[in-house]
Amino acid sequence: MHKSAPDKLILGYTRTMMGFLILQPKPKRIAMIGLGGGSLAKYCLRHIPDAHFTAVEINPKVIELRDRFGIPPDGPNFQVLSGDGAVYVSNHTKPVDVLLVDGFNPDGQPTQLCSTGFYNDCYAKLRTNGVLVINMLCSDWQCDAYVARIQTSFDNQVVVIDAEESGNKIVFAYKGTDFPRLASKIRDRVRALRPSHSISLHATAQQLSEQFKQLYSCRA
């Protein structure tokens, strides 16, 4: 992060993950699995101030660094929880509109964050019209298997795009009956979001549009 601008999204994959706003522009509750340096948490707190944001981090040593990383203290609309993200998601109380998954260990994605049961829990945790967003490493040879599980859990309402910077893929999975119609709303939503956000969603919007076309041309 930039010390002078701690809520600025420096990494390309985090900017791409914010593409959830194109699919769900007015989330009331956002949860994130994996705190890290807190860039997404800080960005959402500043630019979506009306949404309640919960971050769940399994490593207490990461949480101990929150002051150093400029992560704000807990407040009415913001909290950092110490715990296993898979356990948090399995509790279906307090459903969320957006669920961000950016959790890794030295070997890649932990097994509890890429199982069929976890993805089913993600679906159950989301409100109608909710979005699951997952950061995946292109180098993970099991990526295709993870995406197939997500497609099963989310009735194939899934698009996968490249992050702004190479090395990552971002998965967007949607819960709701209006998924096919979202393609026609992408351009207007990007235009409406522009004044209140410091990042450009244009590249992400283009990729989403292309993936929608491919998805539904294949089903025609």
Protein backbone atom coordinates (compact mmCIF):
# COMPACT_ATOMS: atom_id res chain seq x y z
CA MET A 1 0.00 0.00 0.00
CA HIS A 2 0.97 3.67 -0.21
CA LYS A 3 1.44 5.00 3.33
CA SER A 4 0.06 8.36 2.20
CA ALA A 5 -3.06 6.68 0.74
CA PRO A 6 -3.68 3.46 2.68
CA ASP A 7 -7.09 2.83 1.10
CA LYS A 8 -5.82 3.03 -2.49
CA LEU A 9 -5.93 -0.28 -4.35
CA ILE A 10 -2.38 -0.78 -5.63
CA LEU A 11 -2.66 -4.40 -6.79
CA GLY A 12 -4.53 -5.14 -9.99
CA TYR A 13 -6.37 -8.18 -8.68
CA THR A 14 -7.97 -6.15 -5.89
CA ARG A 15 -9.29 -3.62 -8.40
CA THR A 16 -10.74 -6.46 -10.46
CA MET A 17 -12.39 -7.98 -7.39
CA MET A 18 -14.21 -4.67 -6.86
CA GLY A 19 -16.05 -5.55 -10.06
CA PHE A 20 -18.68 -7.05 -7.77
CA LEU A 21 -20.19 -3.56 -7.76
CA ILE A 22 -21.20 -4.06 -11.38
CA LEU A 23 -23.29 -7.06 -10.38
CA GLN A 24 -24.41 -5.77 -6.96
CA PRO A 25 -24.01 -1.98 -6.83
CA LYS A 26 -25.70 -1.37 -3.47
CA PRO A 27 -24.53 -3.98 -0.96
CA LYS A 28 -25.67 -3.57 2.62
CA ARG A 29 -23.39 -6.23 4.12
CA ILE A 30 -19.97 -7.31 2.82
CA ALA A 31 -17.79 -10.06 4.26
CA MET A 32 -14.23 -10.92 3.35
CA ILE A 33 -12.28 -14.10 4.08
CA GLY A 34 -8.60 -13.25 4.48
CA LEU A 35 -7.57 -9.82 5.76
CA GLY A 36 -3.98 -9.54 4.55
CA GLY A 37 -2.97 -5.89 4.37
CA GLY A 38 -6.62 -4.91 4.40
CA SER A 39 -6.62 -2.98 1.11
CA LEU A 40 -10.09 -4.14 0.07
CA ALA A 41 -11.45 -3.57 3.56
CA LYS A 42 -10.07 -0.03 3.67
CA TYR A 43 -11.32 0.76 0.18
CA CYS A 44 -14.84 -0.46 0.91
CA LEU A 45 -14.96 1.38 4.21
CA ARG A 46 -14.16 4.65 2.47
CA HIS A 47 -16.07 4.29 -0.79
CA ILE A 48 -19.09 2.22 0.36
CA PRO A 49 -19.53 3.77 3.82
CA ASP A 50 -23.16 2.71 4.21
CA ALA A 51 -22.29 -0.99 3.94
CA HIS A 52 -21.33 -3.08 6.97
CA PHE A 53 -17.96 -4.77 6.38
CA THR A 54 -16.68 -7.85 8.23
CA ALA A 55 -13.21 -9.32 7.63
CA VAL A 56 -12.34 -12.79 8.92
CA GLU A 57 -8.66 -13.66 9.36
CA ILE A 58 -7.38 -17.01 10.61
CA ASN A 59 -3.86 -15.85 11.47
CA PRO A 60 -3.77 -13.68 14.62
CA LYS A 61 -0.30 -12.38 13.68
CA VAL A 62 -1.85 -10.73 10.61
CA ILE A 63 -4.46 -9.02 12.77
CA GLU A 64 -1.70 -7.77 15.08
CA LEU A 65 -0.34 -5.76 12.14
CA ARG A 66 -3.60 -3.90 11.50
CA ASP A 67 -2.32 -0.62 12.93
CA ARG A 68 0.86 -0.83 10.87
CA PHE A 69 -1.23 -1.41 7.74
CA GLY A 70 -3.55 1.49 8.52
CA ILE A 71 -6.60 -0.71 9.07
CA PRO A 72 -9.13 1.29 11.10
CA PRO A 73 -10.37 0.12 14.49
CA ASP A 74 -13.66 -1.74 14.73
CA GLY A 75 -16.74 0.45 14.62
CA PRO A 76 -20.48 0.36 13.90
CA ASN A 77 -19.95 -0.56 10.24
CA PHE A 78 -16.60 -2.33 10.39
CA GLN A 79 -15.15 -5.31 12.23
CA VAL A 80 -12.23 -7.72 11.99
CA LEU A 81 -12.83 -11.20 13.39
CA SER A 82 -10.20 -13.75 14.31
CA GLY A 83 -11.27 -17.16 13.05
CA ASP A 84 -11.59 -19.70 10.25
CA GLY A 85 -13.40 -18.22 7.27
CA ALA A 86 -14.96 -21.56 6.38
CA VAL A 87 -16.53 -21.79 9.83
CA TYR A 88 -17.76 -18.20 9.57
CA VAL A 89 -19.43 -18.90 6.22
CA SER A 90 -21.03 -22.11 7.48
CA ASN A 91 -23.04 -19.98 9.95
CA HIS A 92 -25.89 -18.84 7.75
CA THR A 93 -27.18 -16.19 10.15
CA LYS A 94 -26.51 -12.56 9.16
CA PRO A 95 -26.53 -13.18 5.39
CA VAL A 96 -24.41 -10.91 3.22
CA ASP A 97 -24.76 -9.28 -0.18
CA VAL A 98 -21.11 -9.74 -1.16
CA LEU A 99 -18.63 -12.39 -0.04
CA LEU A 100 -14.97 -11.82 -0.94
CA VAL A 101 -12.58 -14.76 -0.64
CA ASP A 102 -8.86 -13.96 -0.71
CA GLY A 103 -7.40 -16.53 1.66
CA PHE A 104 -4.11 -18.32 1.10
CA ASN A 105 -1.49 -20.27 3.00
CA PRO A 106 2.07 -21.11 1.82
CA ASP A 107 0.67 -23.95 -0.32
CA GLY A 108 -2.05 -21.89 -2.00
CA GLN A 109 -5.74 -21.92 -1.20
CA PRO A 110 -6.51 -23.85 2.00
CA THR A 111 -8.56 -26.98 1.39
CA GLN A 112 -11.40 -25.69 3.59
CA LEU A 113 -11.82 -22.68 1.25
CA CYS A 114 -12.16 -24.63 -1.99
CA SER A 115 -14.35 -27.61 -1.16
CA THR A 116 -17.83 -28.29 -2.51
CA GLY A 117 -19.21 -27.88 1.00
CA PHE A 118 -17.59 -24.46 1.34
CA TYR A 119 -19.04 -23.23 -1.95
CA ASN A 120 -22.46 -24.53 -0.95
CA ASP A 121 -22.13 -22.60 2.30
CA CYS A 122 -21.15 -19.48 0.35
CA TYR A 123 -24.34 -19.78 -1.67
CA ALA A 124 -26.40 -20.16 1.49
CA LYS A 125 -24.64 -17.22 3.16
CA LEU A 126 -25.58 -14.84 0.35
CA ARG A 127 -28.83 -12.93 0.10
CA THR A 128 -30.75 -13.05 -3.17
CA ASN A 129 -28.84 -11.00 -5.78
CA GLY A 130 -25.65 -11.59 -3.79
CA VAL A 131 -22.20 -12.11 -5.29
CA LEU A 132 -19.33 -14.41 -4.37
CA VAL A 133 -15.91 -13.16 -5.50
CA ILE A 134 -12.84 -15.39 -5.31
CA ASN A 135 -9.22 -14.59 -6.06
CA MET A 136 -7.46 -17.59 -7.60
CA LEU A 137 -3.87 -18.14 -8.64
CA CYS A 138 -3.40 -19.09 -12.28
CA SER A 139 -0.52 -21.32 -11.21
CA ASP A 140 -2.84 -23.54 -9.14
CA TRP A 141 -3.38 -26.66 -11.25
CA GLN A 142 -6.69 -27.30 -9.50
CA CYS A 143 -8.28 -24.00 -10.60
CA ASP A 144 -10.54 -25.67 -13.15
CA ALA A 145 -11.77 -28.13 -10.53
CA TYR A 146 -12.57 -25.27 -8.12
CA VAL A 147 -14.50 -23.41 -10.81
CA ALA A 148 -16.48 -26.56 -11.67
CA ARG A 149 -17.48 -26.91 -8.01
CA ILE A 150 -18.56 -23.27 -7.88
CA GLN A 151 -20.62 -23.72 -11.05
CA THR A 152 -22.42 -26.64 -9.44
CA SER A 153 -23.11 -24.72 -6.22
CA PHE A 154 -24.30 -21.61 -8.10
CA ASP A 155 -26.34 -23.23 -10.88
CA ASN A 156 -23.73 -22.25 -13.50
CA GLN A 157 -24.22 -18.54 -12.83
CA VAL A 158 -20.46 -18.02 -12.81
CA VAL A 159 -18.02 -15.94 -14.85
CA VAL A 160 -14.23 -16.06 -14.62
CA ILE A 161 -12.02 -13.21 -15.82
CA ASP A 162 -8.33 -12.32 -15.76
CA ALA A 163 -7.19 -9.87 -13.11
CA GLU A 164 -5.72 -6.56 -14.28
CA GLU A 165 -2.24 -7.94 -13.61
CA SER A 166 -1.19 -11.40 -14.78
CA GLY A 167 -1.04 -14.30 -12.38
CA ASN A 168 -4.58 -14.17 -10.97
CA LYS A 169 -8.07 -15.06 -12.08
CA ILE A 170 -11.17 -13.64 -10.44
CA VAL A 171 -14.34 -15.70 -10.13
CA PHE A 172 -17.75 -14.01 -9.84
CA ALA A 173 -20.67 -16.24 -8.84
CA TYR A 174 -24.22 -14.88 -8.58
CA LYS A 175 -27.26 -15.91 -6.54
CA GLY A 176 -30.52 -14.79 -8.12
CA THR A 177 -32.88 -15.29 -11.02
CA ASP A 178 -31.92 -12.14 -12.95
CA PHE A 179 -28.36 -13.16 -13.78
CA PRO A 180 -28.90 -13.33 -17.59
CA ARG A 181 -30.33 -9.79 -17.60
CA LEU A 182 -27.33 -8.29 -15.82
CA ALA A 183 -25.38 -8.15 -19.09
CA SER A 184 -27.63 -5.35 -20.36
CA LYS A 185 -27.02 -3.31 -17.19
CA ILE A 186 -23.22 -3.39 -17.12
CA ARG A 187 -22.54 -0.21 -19.09
CA ASP A 188 -25.08 1.91 -17.16
CA ARG A 189 -23.83 0.63 -13.80
CA VAL A 190 -20.21 1.42 -14.58
CA ARG A 191 -21.24 4.94 -15.56
CA ALA A 192 -23.26 5.38 -12.35
CA LEU A 193 -20.42 4.08 -10.14
CA ARG A 194 -17.72 6.30 -11.66
CA PRO A 195 -18.28 9.47 -9.54
CA SER A 196 -17.99 7.67 -6.19
CA HIS A 197 -15.01 5.40 -6.89
CA SER A 198 -11.31 6.12 -7.38
CA ILE A 199 -10.74 3.03 -9.52
CA SER A 200 -11.76 2.39 -13.10
CA LEU A 201 -14.10 -0.55 -13.60
CA HIS A 202 -14.05 -0.25 -17.39
CA ALA A 203 -11.62 -3.12 -18.08
CA THR A 204 -13.46 -5.42 -15.68
CA ALA A 205 -16.80 -4.46 -17.24
CA GLN A 206 -15.48 -5.30 -20.71
CA GLN A 207 -14.35 -8.73 -19.61
CA LEU A 208 -17.63 -9.40 -17.81
CA SER A 209 -19.59 -8.44 -20.93
CA GLU A 210 -17.50 -10.78 -23.07
CA GLN A 211 -17.94 -13.64 -20.63
CA PHE A 212 -21.71 -13.12 -20.48
CA LYS A 213 -21.84 -13.29 -24.29
CA GLN A 214 -19.84 -16.51 -24.35
CA LEU A 215 -21.85 -18.05 -21.54
CA TYR A 216 -25.25 -17.47 -23.09
CA SER A 217 -24.24 -18.01 -26.72
CA CYS A 218 -23.10 -21.48 -25.66
CA ARG A 219 -26.51 -22.15 -24.09
CA ALA A 220 -28.51 -20.85 -27.06
